[in-house]
Amino acid sequence: MTRGKQKIEAQKRNAEKGQKSKGSQLEARAVALKSSCPICKVQLANSKQLVDHYASKHPKEKVPSELEL
């Protein structure tokens, strides 16, 4: 355990680290995820991933023609 001055300095450093956030990752994620599966509503980055998703998660369902490459 630190005491006195060391403790105060450590608290200041930790407070500064907390303030230096680079932004929310949720915003970047929302921009990157463009398409979603109409069956299970999972969000995917592109149509190729959506076709692969259909093949692995919904093998009995047919991929809609507007989603195919």
C-alpha atoms as a PDB file:
ATOM      1  CA  MET A   1       0.000   0.000   0.000  1.00  0.00           C
ATOM      2  CA  THR A   2       1.209   3.457  -0.774  1.00  0.00           C
ATOM      3  CA  ARG A   3       0.971   6.294   1.664  1.00  0.00           C
ATOM      4  CA  GLY A   4       0.910  10.018   1.612  1.00  0.00           C
ATOM      5  CA  LYS A   5       2.314  11.727  -1.449  1.00  0.00           C
ATOM      6  CA  GLN A   6       2.633   8.529  -3.489  1.00  0.00           C
ATOM      7  CA  LYS A   7      -1.044   7.774  -2.980  1.00  0.00           C
ATOM      8  CA  ILE A   8      -2.120  11.247  -4.089  1.00  0.00           C
ATOM      9  CA  GLU A   9       0.118  11.125  -7.168  1.00  0.00           C
ATOM     10  CA  ALA A  10      -1.204   7.676  -8.090  1.00  0.00           C
ATOM     11  CA  GLN A  11      -4.780   8.926  -7.790  1.00  0.00           C
ATOM     12  CA  LYS A  12      -3.989  11.885 -10.067  1.00  0.00           C
ATOM     13  CA  ARG A  13      -2.381   9.631 -12.690  1.00  0.00           C
ATOM     14  CA  ASN A  14      -5.357   7.258 -12.652  1.00  0.00           C
ATOM     15  CA  ALA A  15      -7.781  10.156 -12.995  1.00  0.00           C
ATOM     16  CA  GLU A  16      -5.841  11.464 -16.032  1.00  0.00           C
ATOM     17  CA  LYS A  17      -5.892   8.015 -17.649  1.00  0.00           C
ATOM     18  CA  GLY A  18      -9.657   7.873 -17.244  1.00  0.00           C
ATOM     19  CA  GLN A  19     -10.134  11.241 -18.932  1.00  0.00           C
ATOM     20  CA  LYS A  20      -8.108  10.348 -22.041  1.00  0.00           C
ATOM     21  CA  SER A  21     -10.788   8.221 -23.693  1.00  0.00           C
ATOM     22  CA  LYS A  22     -10.434   8.025 -27.469  1.00  0.00           C
ATOM     23  CA  GLY A  23     -14.141   7.832 -28.174  1.00  0.00           C
ATOM     24  CA  SER A  24     -16.814   5.234 -28.112  1.00  0.00           C
ATOM     25  CA  GLN A  25     -16.284   1.984 -29.963  1.00  0.00           C
ATOM     26  CA  LEU A  26     -20.025   1.721 -30.404  1.00  0.00           C
ATOM     27  CA  GLU A  27     -19.986   4.559 -32.934  1.00  0.00           C
ATOM     28  CA  ALA A  28     -17.258   2.917 -34.999  1.00  0.00           C
ATOM     29  CA  ARG A  29     -19.046  -0.420 -34.789  1.00  0.00           C
ATOM     30  CA  ALA A  30     -22.304   1.074 -36.034  1.00  0.00           C
ATOM     31  CA  VAL A  31     -20.531   2.560 -39.061  1.00  0.00           C
ATOM     32  CA  ALA A  32     -18.772  -0.713 -39.924  1.00  0.00           C
ATOM     33  CA  LEU A  33     -21.798  -3.014 -39.621  1.00  0.00           C
ATOM     34  CA  LYS A  34     -23.851  -2.384 -42.726  1.00  0.00           C
ATOM     35  CA  SER A  35     -26.059  -5.441 -43.252  1.00  0.00           C
ATOM     36  CA  SER A  36     -28.090  -7.600 -40.910  1.00  0.00           C
ATOM     37  CA  CYS A  37     -29.626 -11.052 -41.066  1.00  0.00           C
ATOM     38  CA  PRO A  38     -33.413 -10.794 -41.475  1.00  0.00           C
ATOM     39  CA  ILE A  39     -33.933 -14.032 -39.523  1.00  0.00           C
ATOM     40  CA  CYS A  40     -31.847 -13.562 -36.368  1.00  0.00           C
ATOM     41  CA  LYS A  41     -31.029  -9.826 -36.681  1.00  0.00           C
ATOM     42  CA  VAL A  42     -27.267 -10.283 -36.242  1.00  0.00           C
ATOM     43  CA  GLN A  43     -25.296  -7.431 -37.819  1.00  0.00           C
ATOM     44  CA  LEU A  44     -22.559  -8.170 -40.346  1.00  0.00           C
ATOM     45  CA  ALA A  45     -20.040  -6.036 -42.217  1.00  0.00           C
ATOM     46  CA  ASN A  46     -20.817  -7.050 -45.812  1.00  0.00           C
ATOM     47  CA  SER A  47     -22.936  -9.305 -47.969  1.00  0.00           C
ATOM     48  CA  LYS A  48     -20.224 -11.978 -48.283  1.00  0.00           C
ATOM     49  CA  GLN A  49     -20.300 -12.467 -44.527  1.00  0.00           C
ATOM     50  CA  LEU A  50     -24.087 -12.604 -44.675  1.00  0.00           C
ATOM     51  CA  VAL A  51     -23.982 -15.396 -47.273  1.00  0.00           C
ATOM     52  CA  ASP A  52     -21.487 -17.312 -45.085  1.00  0.00           C
ATOM     53  CA  HIS A  53     -23.732 -16.678 -42.071  1.00  0.00           C
ATOM     54  CA  TYR A  54     -26.688 -18.179 -43.902  1.00  0.00           C
ATOM     55  CA  ALA A  55     -24.631 -21.248 -44.810  1.00  0.00           C
ATOM     56  CA  SER A  56     -23.548 -21.892 -41.225  1.00  0.00           C
ATOM     57  CA  LYS A  57     -26.444 -20.662 -39.072  1.00  0.00           C
ATOM     58  CA  HIS A  58     -29.476 -21.109 -41.331  1.00  0.00           C
ATOM     59  CA  PRO A  59     -28.617 -24.027 -43.648  1.00  0.00           C
ATOM     60  CA  LYS A  60     -32.265 -24.882 -44.383  1.00  0.00           C
ATOM     61  CA  GLU A  61     -33.084 -21.333 -45.434  1.00  0.00           C
ATOM     62  CA  LYS A  62     -32.322 -19.993 -48.880  1.00  0.00           C
ATOM     63  CA  VAL A  63     -30.271 -16.796 -49.164  1.00  0.00           C
ATOM     64  CA  PRO A  64     -32.475 -13.993 -50.564  1.00  0.00           C
ATOM     65  CA  SER A  65     -31.486 -13.077 -54.126  1.00  0.00           C
ATOM     66  CA  GLU A  66     -30.819  -9.395 -53.278  1.00  0.00           C
ATOM     67  CA  LEU A  67     -28.253 -10.486 -50.653  1.00  0.00           C
ATOM     68  CA  GLU A  68     -26.210 -12.823 -52.863  1.00  0.00           C
ATOM     69  CA  LEU A  69     -22.974 -11.663 -54.489  1.00  0.00           C
END
